[in-house]
Amino acid sequence: MITREITIRNSSGLHARPASLWVQMASRYKSSIKIKTDSTEVEGKSILGILSLGLTAGSKFQLIVDGEDEVEAADSLEALLVQLEE
């Protein structure tokens, strides 16, 4: 299991378009992917779950990935967020 602390740096946060890109990428992996904030944990492959968190610029969350391709999944999802910053 991999757990990473991530901060949203995209000025518009993790709104519909970036959340959609996240779900498309997350769905490629067999591993379980969860996003956890202080009070809530949602399925990282669910656009509704992600949008329900209301992650804005500066928001922090834990990315929790568990499974056979966990390293690749965690690296790819973190890299996607970096791309969205640009």
PDB file of N, CA and C in Angstrom:
ATOM      1  N   MET A   1       0.838  -1.177   0.000  1.00  0.00           N
ATOM      2  CA  MET A   1       0.000   0.000   0.000  1.00  0.00           C
ATOM      3  C   MET A   1       0.886   1.245   0.000  1.00  0.00           C
ATOM      4  N   ILE A   2       0.504   2.204  -0.824  1.00  0.00           N
ATOM      5  CA  ILE A   2       1.220   3.476  -0.927  1.00  0.00           C
ATOM      6  C   ILE A   2       0.276   4.583  -0.477  1.00  0.00           C
ATOM      7  N   THR A   3       0.782   5.470   0.373  1.00  0.00           N
ATOM      8  CA  THR A   3       0.023   6.649   0.791  1.00  0.00           C
ATOM      9  C   THR A   3       0.884   7.866   0.527  1.00  0.00           C
ATOM     10  N   ARG A   4       0.320   8.834  -0.173  1.00  0.00           N
ATOM     11  CA  ARG A   4       1.044  10.071  -0.474  1.00  0.00           C
ATOM     12  C   ARG A   4       0.180  11.271  -0.102  1.00  0.00           C
ATOM     13  N   GLU A   5       0.811  12.262   0.470  1.00  0.00           N
ATOM     14  CA  GLU A   5       0.143  13.532   0.785  1.00  0.00           C
ATOM     15  C   GLU A   5       0.287  14.427  -0.440  1.00  0.00           C
ATOM     16  N   ILE A   6      -0.837  14.910  -0.958  1.00  0.00           N
ATOM     17  CA  ILE A   6      -0.816  15.714  -2.180  1.00  0.00           C
ATOM     18  C   ILE A   6      -1.534  17.027  -1.932  1.00  0.00           C
ATOM     19  N   THR A   7      -0.981  18.102  -2.491  1.00  0.00           N
ATOM     20  CA  THR A   7      -1.599  19.425  -2.422  1.00  0.00           C
ATOM     21  C   THR A   7      -2.017  19.829  -3.830  1.00  0.00           C
ATOM     22  N   ILE A   8      -3.254  20.273  -3.966  1.00  0.00           N
ATOM     23  CA  ILE A   8      -3.761  20.745  -5.264  1.00  0.00           C
ATOM     24  C   ILE A   8      -3.141  22.109  -5.541  1.00  0.00           C
ATOM     25  N   ARG A   9      -2.405  22.211  -6.623  1.00  0.00           N
ATOM     26  CA  ARG A   9      -1.771  23.480  -6.969  1.00  0.00           C
ATOM     27  C   ARG A   9      -2.435  24.139  -8.188  1.00  0.00           C
ATOM     28  N   ASN A  10      -3.288  23.409  -8.870  1.00  0.00           N
ATOM     29  CA  ASN A  10      -4.046  23.941 -10.001  1.00  0.00           C
ATOM     30  C   ASN A  10      -4.946  25.062  -9.475  1.00  0.00           C
ATOM     31  N   SER A  11      -4.885  26.231 -10.077  1.00  0.00           N
ATOM     32  CA  SER A  11      -5.618  27.396  -9.571  1.00  0.00           C
ATOM     33  C   SER A  11      -7.134  27.182  -9.516  1.00  0.00           C
ATOM     34  N   SER A  12      -7.654  26.306 -10.346  1.00  0.00           N
ATOM     35  CA  SER A  12      -9.099  26.065 -10.332  1.00  0.00           C
ATOM     36  C   SER A  12      -9.475  24.804  -9.550  1.00  0.00           C
ATOM     37  N   GLY A  13      -8.504  24.149  -8.939  1.00  0.00           N
ATOM     38  CA  GLY A  13      -8.798  22.976  -8.116  1.00  0.00           C
ATOM     39  C   GLY A  13      -9.060  21.732  -8.952  1.00  0.00           C
ATOM     40  N   LEU A  14      -9.652  20.754  -8.311  1.00  0.00           N
ATOM     41  CA  LEU A  14      -9.963  19.488  -8.987  1.00  0.00           C
ATOM     42  C   LEU A  14     -11.442  19.507  -9.366  1.00  0.00           C
ATOM     43  N   HIS A  15     -11.782  20.390 -10.309  1.00  0.00           N
ATOM     44  CA  HIS A  15     -13.163  20.531 -10.776  1.00  0.00           C
ATOM     45  C   HIS A  15     -13.460  19.485 -11.851  1.00  0.00           C
ATOM     46  N   ALA A  16     -14.523  19.642 -12.585  1.00  0.00           N
ATOM     47  CA  ALA A  16     -15.033  18.600 -13.484  1.00  0.00           C
ATOM     48  C   ALA A  16     -14.010  18.084 -14.511  1.00  0.00           C
ATOM     49  N   ARG A  17     -13.358  18.970 -15.233  1.00  0.00           N
ATOM     50  CA  ARG A  17     -12.433  18.505 -16.276  1.00  0.00           C
ATOM     51  C   ARG A  17     -11.234  17.756 -15.692  1.00  0.00           C
ATOM     52  N   PRO A  18     -10.513  18.340 -14.727  1.00  0.00           N
ATOM     53  CA  PRO A  18      -9.392  17.591 -14.158  1.00  0.00           C
ATOM     54  C   PRO A  18      -9.837  16.313 -13.447  1.00  0.00           C
ATOM     55  N   ALA A  19     -10.992  16.354 -12.804  1.00  0.00           N
ATOM     56  CA  ALA A  19     -11.494  15.145 -12.130  1.00  0.00           C
ATOM     57  C   ALA A  19     -11.788  14.058 -13.157  1.00  0.00           C
ATOM     58  N   SER A  20     -12.307  14.453 -14.308  1.00  0.00           N
ATOM     59  CA  SER A  20     -12.589  13.497 -15.379  1.00  0.00           C
ATOM     60  C   SER A  20     -11.288  12.863 -15.890  1.00  0.00           C
ATOM     61  N   LEU A  21     -10.260  13.684 -16.079  1.00  0.00           N
ATOM     62  CA  LEU A  21      -8.966  13.163 -16.515  1.00  0.00           C
ATOM     63  C   LEU A  21      -8.381  12.221 -15.468  1.00  0.00           C
ATOM     64  N   TRP A  22      -8.538  12.579 -14.196  1.00  0.00           N
ATOM     65  CA  TRP A  22      -8.061  11.739 -13.085  1.00  0.00           C
ATOM     66  C   TRP A  22      -8.736  10.373 -13.141  1.00  0.00           C
ATOM     67  N   VAL A  23     -10.074  10.360 -13.273  1.00  0.00           N
ATOM     68  CA  VAL A  23     -10.836   9.104 -13.273  1.00  0.00           C
ATOM     69  C   VAL A  23     -10.455   8.250 -14.479  1.00  0.00           C
ATOM     70  N   GLN A  24     -10.278   8.872 -15.642  1.00  0.00           N
ATOM     71  CA  GLN A  24      -9.857   8.124 -16.824  1.00  0.00           C
ATOM     72  C   GLN A  24      -8.529   7.434 -16.584  1.00  0.00           C
ATOM     73  N   MET A  25      -7.581   8.145 -15.967  1.00  0.00           N
ATOM     74  CA  MET A  25      -6.276   7.556 -15.705  1.00  0.00           C
ATOM     75  C   MET A  25      -6.378   6.490 -14.611  1.00  0.00           C
ATOM     76  N   ALA A  26      -7.063   6.792 -13.533  1.00  0.00           N
ATOM     77  CA  ALA A  26      -7.183   5.857 -12.410  1.00  0.00           C
ATOM     78  C   ALA A  26      -7.838   4.552 -12.847  1.00  0.00           C
ATOM     79  N   SER A  27      -8.772   4.639 -13.759  1.00  0.00           N
ATOM     80  CA  SER A  27      -9.512   3.454 -14.208  1.00  0.00           C
ATOM     81  C   SER A  27      -8.648   2.489 -15.018  1.00  0.00           C
ATOM     82  N   ARG A  28      -7.497   2.927 -15.451  1.00  0.00           N
ATOM     83  CA  ARG A  28      -6.581   2.056 -16.205  1.00  0.00           C
ATOM     84  C   ARG A  28      -5.884   1.031 -15.304  1.00  0.00           C
ATOM     85  N   TYR A  29      -5.913   1.272 -14.012  1.00  0.00           N
ATOM     86  CA  TYR A  29      -5.148   0.438 -13.078  1.00  0.00           C
ATOM     87  C   TYR A  29      -6.045  -0.521 -12.306  1.00  0.00           C
ATOM     88  N   LYS A  30      -5.475  -1.668 -11.974  1.00  0.00           N
ATOM     89  CA  LYS A  30      -6.195  -2.690 -11.218  1.00  0.00           C
ATOM     90  C   LYS A  30      -6.249  -2.363  -9.731  1.00  0.00           C
ATOM     91  N   SER A  31      -5.298  -1.588  -9.253  1.00  0.00           N
ATOM     92  CA  SER A  31      -5.200  -1.266  -7.833  1.00  0.00           C
ATOM     93  C   SER A  31      -6.416  -0.491  -7.337  1.00  0.00           C
ATOM     94  N   SER A  32      -6.669  -0.629  -6.046  1.00  0.00           N
ATOM     95  CA  SER A  32      -7.674   0.179  -5.365  1.00  0.00           C
ATOM     96  C   SER A  32      -7.091   1.578  -5.187  1.00  0.00           C
ATOM     97  N   ILE A  33      -7.872   2.598  -5.517  1.00  0.00           N
ATOM     98  CA  ILE A  33      -7.408   3.983  -5.401  1.00  0.00           C
ATOM     99  C   ILE A  33      -8.428   4.752  -4.572  1.00  0.00           C
ATOM    100  N   LYS A  34      -7.959   5.355  -3.495  1.00  0.00           N
ATOM    101  CA  LYS A  34      -8.816   6.125  -2.594  1.00  0.00           C
ATOM    102  C   LYS A  34      -8.242   7.523  -2.434  1.00  0.00           C
ATOM    103  N   ILE A  35      -9.122   8.484  -2.226  1.00  0.00           N
ATOM    104  CA  ILE A  35      -8.729   9.849  -1.904  1.00  0.00           C
ATOM    105  C   ILE A  35      -9.331  10.160  -0.545  1.00  0.00           C
ATOM    106  N   LYS A  36      -8.481  10.588   0.384  1.00  0.00           N
ATOM    107  CA  LYS A  36      -8.935  10.832   1.744  1.00  0.00           C
ATOM    108  C   LYS A  36      -8.589  12.254   2.169  1.00  0.00           C
ATOM    109  N   THR A  37      -9.608  12.966   2.646  1.00  0.00           N
ATOM    110  CA  THR A  37      -9.393  14.282   3.247  1.00  0.00           C
ATOM    111  C   THR A  37      -9.514  14.089   4.756  1.00  0.00           C
ATOM    112  N   ASP A  38      -9.502  15.176   5.495  1.00  0.00           N
ATOM    113  CA  ASP A  38      -9.598  15.078   6.954  1.00  0.00           C
ATOM    114  C   ASP A  38     -10.811  14.287   7.412  1.00  0.00           C
ATOM    115  N   SER A  39     -11.936  14.478   6.735  1.00  0.00           N
ATOM    116  CA  SER A  39     -13.181  13.886   7.216  1.00  0.00           C
ATOM    117  C   SER A  39     -13.810  12.847   6.299  1.00  0.00           C
ATOM    118  N   THR A  40     -13.325  12.713   5.084  1.00  0.00           N
ATOM    119  CA  THR A  40     -13.999  11.870   4.102  1.00  0.00           C
ATOM    120  C   THR A  40     -12.998  11.060   3.282  1.00  0.00           C
ATOM    121  N   GLU A  41     -13.412   9.840   2.926  1.00  0.00           N
ATOM    122  CA  GLU A  41     -12.628   9.008   2.013  1.00  0.00           C
ATOM    123  C   GLU A  41     -13.556   8.588   0.879  1.00  0.00           C
ATOM    124  N   VAL A  42     -13.105   8.786  -0.360  1.00  0.00           N
ATOM    125  CA  VAL A  42     -13.922   8.426  -1.520  1.00  0.00           C
ATOM    126  C   VAL A  42     -13.130   7.528  -2.462  1.00  0.00           C
ATOM    127  N   GLU A  43     -13.845   6.849  -3.317  1.00  0.00           N
ATOM    128  CA  GLU A  43     -13.266   6.002  -4.361  1.00  0.00           C
ATOM    129  C   GLU A  43     -12.591   6.909  -5.390  1.00  0.00           C
ATOM    130  N   GLY A  44     -11.313   6.654  -5.648  1.00  0.00           N
ATOM    131  CA  GLY A  44     -10.545   7.475  -6.571  1.00  0.00           C
ATOM    132  C   GLY A  44     -10.856   7.241  -8.034  1.00  0.00           C
ATOM    133  N   LYS A  45     -11.773   6.319  -8.311  1.00  0.00           N
ATOM    134  CA  LYS A  45     -12.193   6.060  -9.687  1.00  0.00           C
ATOM    135  C   LYS A  45     -13.628   6.539  -9.917  1.00  0.00           C
ATOM    136  N   SER A  46     -14.154   7.309  -8.974  1.00  0.00           N
ATOM    137  CA  SER A  46     -15.526   7.809  -9.054  1.00  0.00           C
ATOM    138  C   SER A  46     -15.524   9.325  -9.209  1.00  0.00           C
ATOM    139  N   ILE A  47     -15.992   9.813 -10.343  1.00  0.00           N
ATOM    140  CA  ILE A  47     -16.001  11.256 -10.560  1.00  0.00           C
ATOM    141  C   ILE A  47     -16.925  11.945  -9.549  1.00  0.00           C
ATOM    142  N   LEU A  48     -18.050  11.331  -9.232  1.00  0.00           N
ATOM    143  CA  LEU A  48     -18.954  11.943  -8.263  1.00  0.00           C
ATOM    144  C   LEU A  48     -18.316  12.006  -6.881  1.00  0.00           C
ATOM    145  N   GLY A  49     -17.601  10.958  -6.511  1.00  0.00           N
ATOM    146  CA  GLY A  49     -16.912  10.954  -5.230  1.00  0.00           C
ATOM    147  C   GLY A  49     -15.878  12.061  -5.150  1.00  0.00           C
ATOM    148  N   ILE A  50     -15.089  12.200  -6.201  1.00  0.00           N
ATOM    149  CA  ILE A  50     -14.045  13.220  -6.227  1.00  0.00           C
ATOM    150  C   ILE A  50     -14.649  14.615  -6.196  1.00  0.00           C
ATOM    151  N   LEU A  51     -15.661  14.850  -7.012  1.00  0.00           N
ATOM    152  CA  LEU A  51     -16.289  16.173  -7.038  1.00  0.00           C
ATOM    153  C   LEU A  51     -16.943  16.514  -5.703  1.00  0.00           C
ATOM    154  N   SER A  52     -17.438  15.494  -5.003  1.00  0.00           N
ATOM    155  CA  SER A  52     -18.096  15.735  -3.710  1.00  0.00           C
ATOM    156  C   SER A  52     -17.115  16.268  -2.659  1.00  0.00           C
ATOM    157  N   LEU A  53     -15.820  16.064  -2.858  1.00  0.00           N
ATOM    158  CA  LEU A  53     -14.825  16.559  -1.908  1.00  0.00           C
ATOM    159  C   LEU A  53     -14.611  18.068  -2.022  1.00  0.00           C
ATOM    160  N   GLY A  54     -14.930  18.633  -3.173  1.00  0.00           N
ATOM    161  CA  GLY A  54     -14.774  20.073  -3.367  1.00  0.00           C
ATOM    162  C   GLY A  54     -13.332  20.536  -3.217  1.00  0.00           C
ATOM    163  N   LEU A  55     -12.402  19.813  -3.816  1.00  0.00           N
ATOM    164  CA  LEU A  55     -10.978  20.140  -3.684  1.00  0.00           C
ATOM    165  C   LEU A  55     -10.633  21.381  -4.504  1.00  0.00           C
ATOM    166  N   THR A  56     -10.227  22.424  -3.814  1.00  0.00           N
ATOM    167  CA  THR A  56      -9.871  23.681  -4.456  1.00  0.00           C
ATOM    168  C   THR A  56      -8.361  23.873  -4.380  1.00  0.00           C
ATOM    169  N   ALA A  57      -7.873  24.943  -4.987  1.00  0.00           N
ATOM    170  CA  ALA A  57      -6.440  25.240  -4.942  1.00  0.00           C
ATOM    171  C   ALA A  57      -5.982  25.310  -3.488  1.00  0.00           C
ATOM    172  N   GLY A  58      -4.908  24.618  -3.190  1.00  0.00           N
ATOM    173  CA  GLY A  58      -4.382  24.600  -1.833  1.00  0.00           C
ATOM    174  C   GLY A  58      -4.912  23.471  -0.967  1.00  0.00           C
ATOM    175  N   SER A  59      -5.949  22.768  -1.442  1.00  0.00           N
ATOM    176  CA  SER A  59      -6.497  21.638  -0.681  1.00  0.00           C
ATOM    177  C   SER A  59      -5.475  20.519  -0.611  1.00  0.00           C
ATOM    178  N   LYS A  60      -5.463  19.827   0.530  1.00  0.00           N
ATOM    179  CA  LYS A  60      -4.560  18.690   0.709  1.00  0.00           C
ATOM    180  C   LYS A  60      -5.395  17.426   0.884  1.00  0.00           C
ATOM    181  N   PHE A  61      -4.864  16.333   0.332  1.00  0.00           N
ATOM    182  CA  PHE A  61      -5.517  15.042   0.510  1.00  0.00           C
ATOM    183  C   PHE A  61      -4.482  13.939   0.494  1.00  0.00           C
ATOM    184  N   GLN A  62      -4.898  12.778   0.957  1.00  0.00           N
ATOM    185  CA  GLN A  62      -4.038  11.600   0.892  1.00  0.00           C
ATOM    186  C   GLN A  62      -4.495  10.747  -0.274  1.00  0.00           C
ATOM    187  N   LEU A  63      -3.542  10.344  -1.086  1.00  0.00           N
ATOM    188  CA  LEU A  63      -3.780   9.379  -2.156  1.00  0.00           C
ATOM    189  C   LEU A  63      -3.367   8.025  -1.604  1.00  0.00           C
ATOM    190  N   ILE A  64      -4.300   7.088  -1.573  1.00  0.00           N
ATOM    191  CA  ILE A  64      -4.032   5.754  -1.042  1.00  0.00           C
ATOM    192  C   ILE A  64      -4.241   4.754  -2.168  1.00  0.00           C
ATOM    193  N   VAL A  65      -3.172   4.061  -2.533  1.00  0.00           N
ATOM    194  CA  VAL A  65      -3.216   3.113  -3.647  1.00  0.00           C
ATOM    195  C   VAL A  65      -2.745   1.758  -3.128  1.00  0.00           C
ATOM    196  N   ASP A  66      -3.526   0.717  -3.431  1.00  0.00           N
ATOM    197  CA  ASP A  66      -3.186  -0.620  -2.951  1.00  0.00           C
ATOM    198  C   ASP A  66      -3.481  -1.645  -4.036  1.00  0.00           C
ATOM    199  N   GLY A  67      -2.453  -2.382  -4.452  1.00  0.00           N
ATOM    200  CA  GLY A  67      -2.655  -3.423  -5.449  1.00  0.00           C
ATOM    201  C   GLY A  67      -1.391  -3.717  -6.223  1.00  0.00           C
ATOM    202  N   GLU A  68      -1.539  -4.561  -7.214  1.00  0.00           N
ATOM    203  CA  GLU A  68      -0.382  -5.054  -7.957  1.00  0.00           C
ATOM    204  C   GLU A  68       0.343  -3.997  -8.772  1.00  0.00           C
ATOM    205  N   ASP A  69      -0.354  -2.956  -9.203  1.00  0.00           N
ATOM    206  CA  ASP A  69       0.283  -1.901  -9.994  1.00  0.00           C
ATOM    207  C   ASP A  69       0.263  -0.560  -9.241  1.00  0.00           C
ATOM    208  N   GLU A  70       0.351  -0.630  -7.913  1.00  0.00           N
ATOM    209  CA  GLU A  70       0.203   0.552  -7.070  1.00  0.00           C
ATOM    210  C   GLU A  70       1.261   1.633  -7.319  1.00  0.00           C
ATOM    211  N   VAL A  71       2.495   1.238  -7.542  1.00  0.00           N
ATOM    212  CA  VAL A  71       3.560   2.227  -7.748  1.00  0.00           C
ATOM    213  C   VAL A  71       3.310   3.004  -9.041  1.00  0.00           C
ATOM    214  N   GLU A  72       3.030   2.290 -10.101  1.00  0.00           N
ATOM    215  CA  GLU A  72       2.766   2.933 -11.393  1.00  0.00           C
ATOM    216  C   GLU A  72       1.527   3.833 -11.305  1.00  0.00           C
ATOM    217  N   ALA A  73       0.478   3.363 -10.651  1.00  0.00           N
ATOM    218  CA  ALA A  73      -0.752   4.147 -10.517  1.00  0.00           C
ATOM    219  C   ALA A  73      -0.507   5.427  -9.725  1.00  0.00           C
ATOM    220  N   ALA A  74       0.143   5.313  -8.585  1.00  0.00           N
ATOM    221  CA  ALA A  74       0.407   6.488  -7.748  1.00  0.00           C
ATOM    222  C   ALA A  74       1.280   7.498  -8.480  1.00  0.00           C
ATOM    223  N   ASP A  75       2.323   7.018  -9.150  1.00  0.00           N
ATOM    224  CA  ASP A  75       3.223   7.911  -9.890  1.00  0.00           C
ATOM    225  C   ASP A  75       2.476   8.627 -11.014  1.00  0.00           C
ATOM    226  N   SER A  76       1.657   7.900 -11.747  1.00  0.00           N
ATOM    227  CA  SER A  76       0.926   8.480 -12.881  1.00  0.00           C
ATOM    228  C   SER A  76      -0.086   9.524 -12.424  1.00  0.00           C
ATOM    229  N   LEU A  77      -0.800   9.231 -11.351  1.00  0.00           N
ATOM    230  CA  LEU A  77      -1.817  10.175 -10.861  1.00  0.00           C
ATOM    231  C   LEU A  77      -1.167  11.433 -10.300  1.00  0.00           C
ATOM    232  N   GLU A  78      -0.069  11.269  -9.609  1.00  0.00           N
ATOM    233  CA  GLU A  78       0.642  12.441  -9.092  1.00  0.00           C
ATOM    234  C   GLU A  78       1.198  13.272 -10.254  1.00  0.00           C
ATOM    235  N   ALA A  79       1.734  12.630 -11.274  1.00  0.00           N
ATOM    236  CA  ALA A  79       2.262  13.324 -12.441  1.00  0.00           C
ATOM    237  C   ALA A  79       1.145  14.070 -13.180  1.00  0.00           C
ATOM    238  N   LEU A  80      -0.038  13.488 -13.227  1.00  0.00           N
ATOM    239  CA  LEU A  80      -1.170  14.159 -13.882  1.00  0.00           C
ATOM    240  C   LEU A  80      -1.478  15.469 -13.179  1.00  0.00           C
ATOM    241  N   LEU A  81      -1.476  15.470 -11.873  1.00  0.00           N
ATOM    242  CA  LEU A  81      -1.753  16.711 -11.143  1.00  0.00           C
ATOM    243  C   LEU A  81      -0.686  17.772 -11.405  1.00  0.00           C
ATOM    244  N   VAL A  82       0.557  17.349 -11.557  1.00  0.00           N
ATOM    245  CA  VAL A  82       1.619  18.289 -11.892  1.00  0.00           C
ATOM    246  C   VAL A  82       1.386  18.880 -13.279  1.00  0.00           C
ATOM    247  N   GLN A  83       0.973  18.059 -14.226  1.00  0.00           N
ATOM    248  CA  GLN A  83       0.667  18.536 -15.584  1.00  0.00           C
ATOM    249  C   GLN A  83      -0.464  19.550 -15.555  1.00  0.00           C
ATOM    250  N   LEU A  84      -1.437  19.342 -14.719  1.00  0.00           N
ATOM    251  CA  LEU A  84      -2.597  20.236 -14.651  1.00  0.00           C
ATOM    252  C   LEU A  84      -2.234  21.596 -14.064  1.00  0.00           C
ATOM    253  N   GLU A  85      -1.116  21.680 -13.364  1.00  0.00           N
ATOM    254  CA  GLU A  85      -0.650  22.943 -12.805  1.00  0.00           C
ATOM    255  C   GLU A  85      -0.180  23.892 -13.903  1.00  0.00           C
ATOM    256  N   GLU A  86       0.297  23.336 -14.985  1.00  0.00           N
ATOM    257  CA  GLU A  86       0.920  24.138 -16.047  1.00  0.00           C
ATOM    258  C   GLU A  86      -0.079  24.821 -16.925  1.00  0.00           C
TER     259      GLU A  86
END
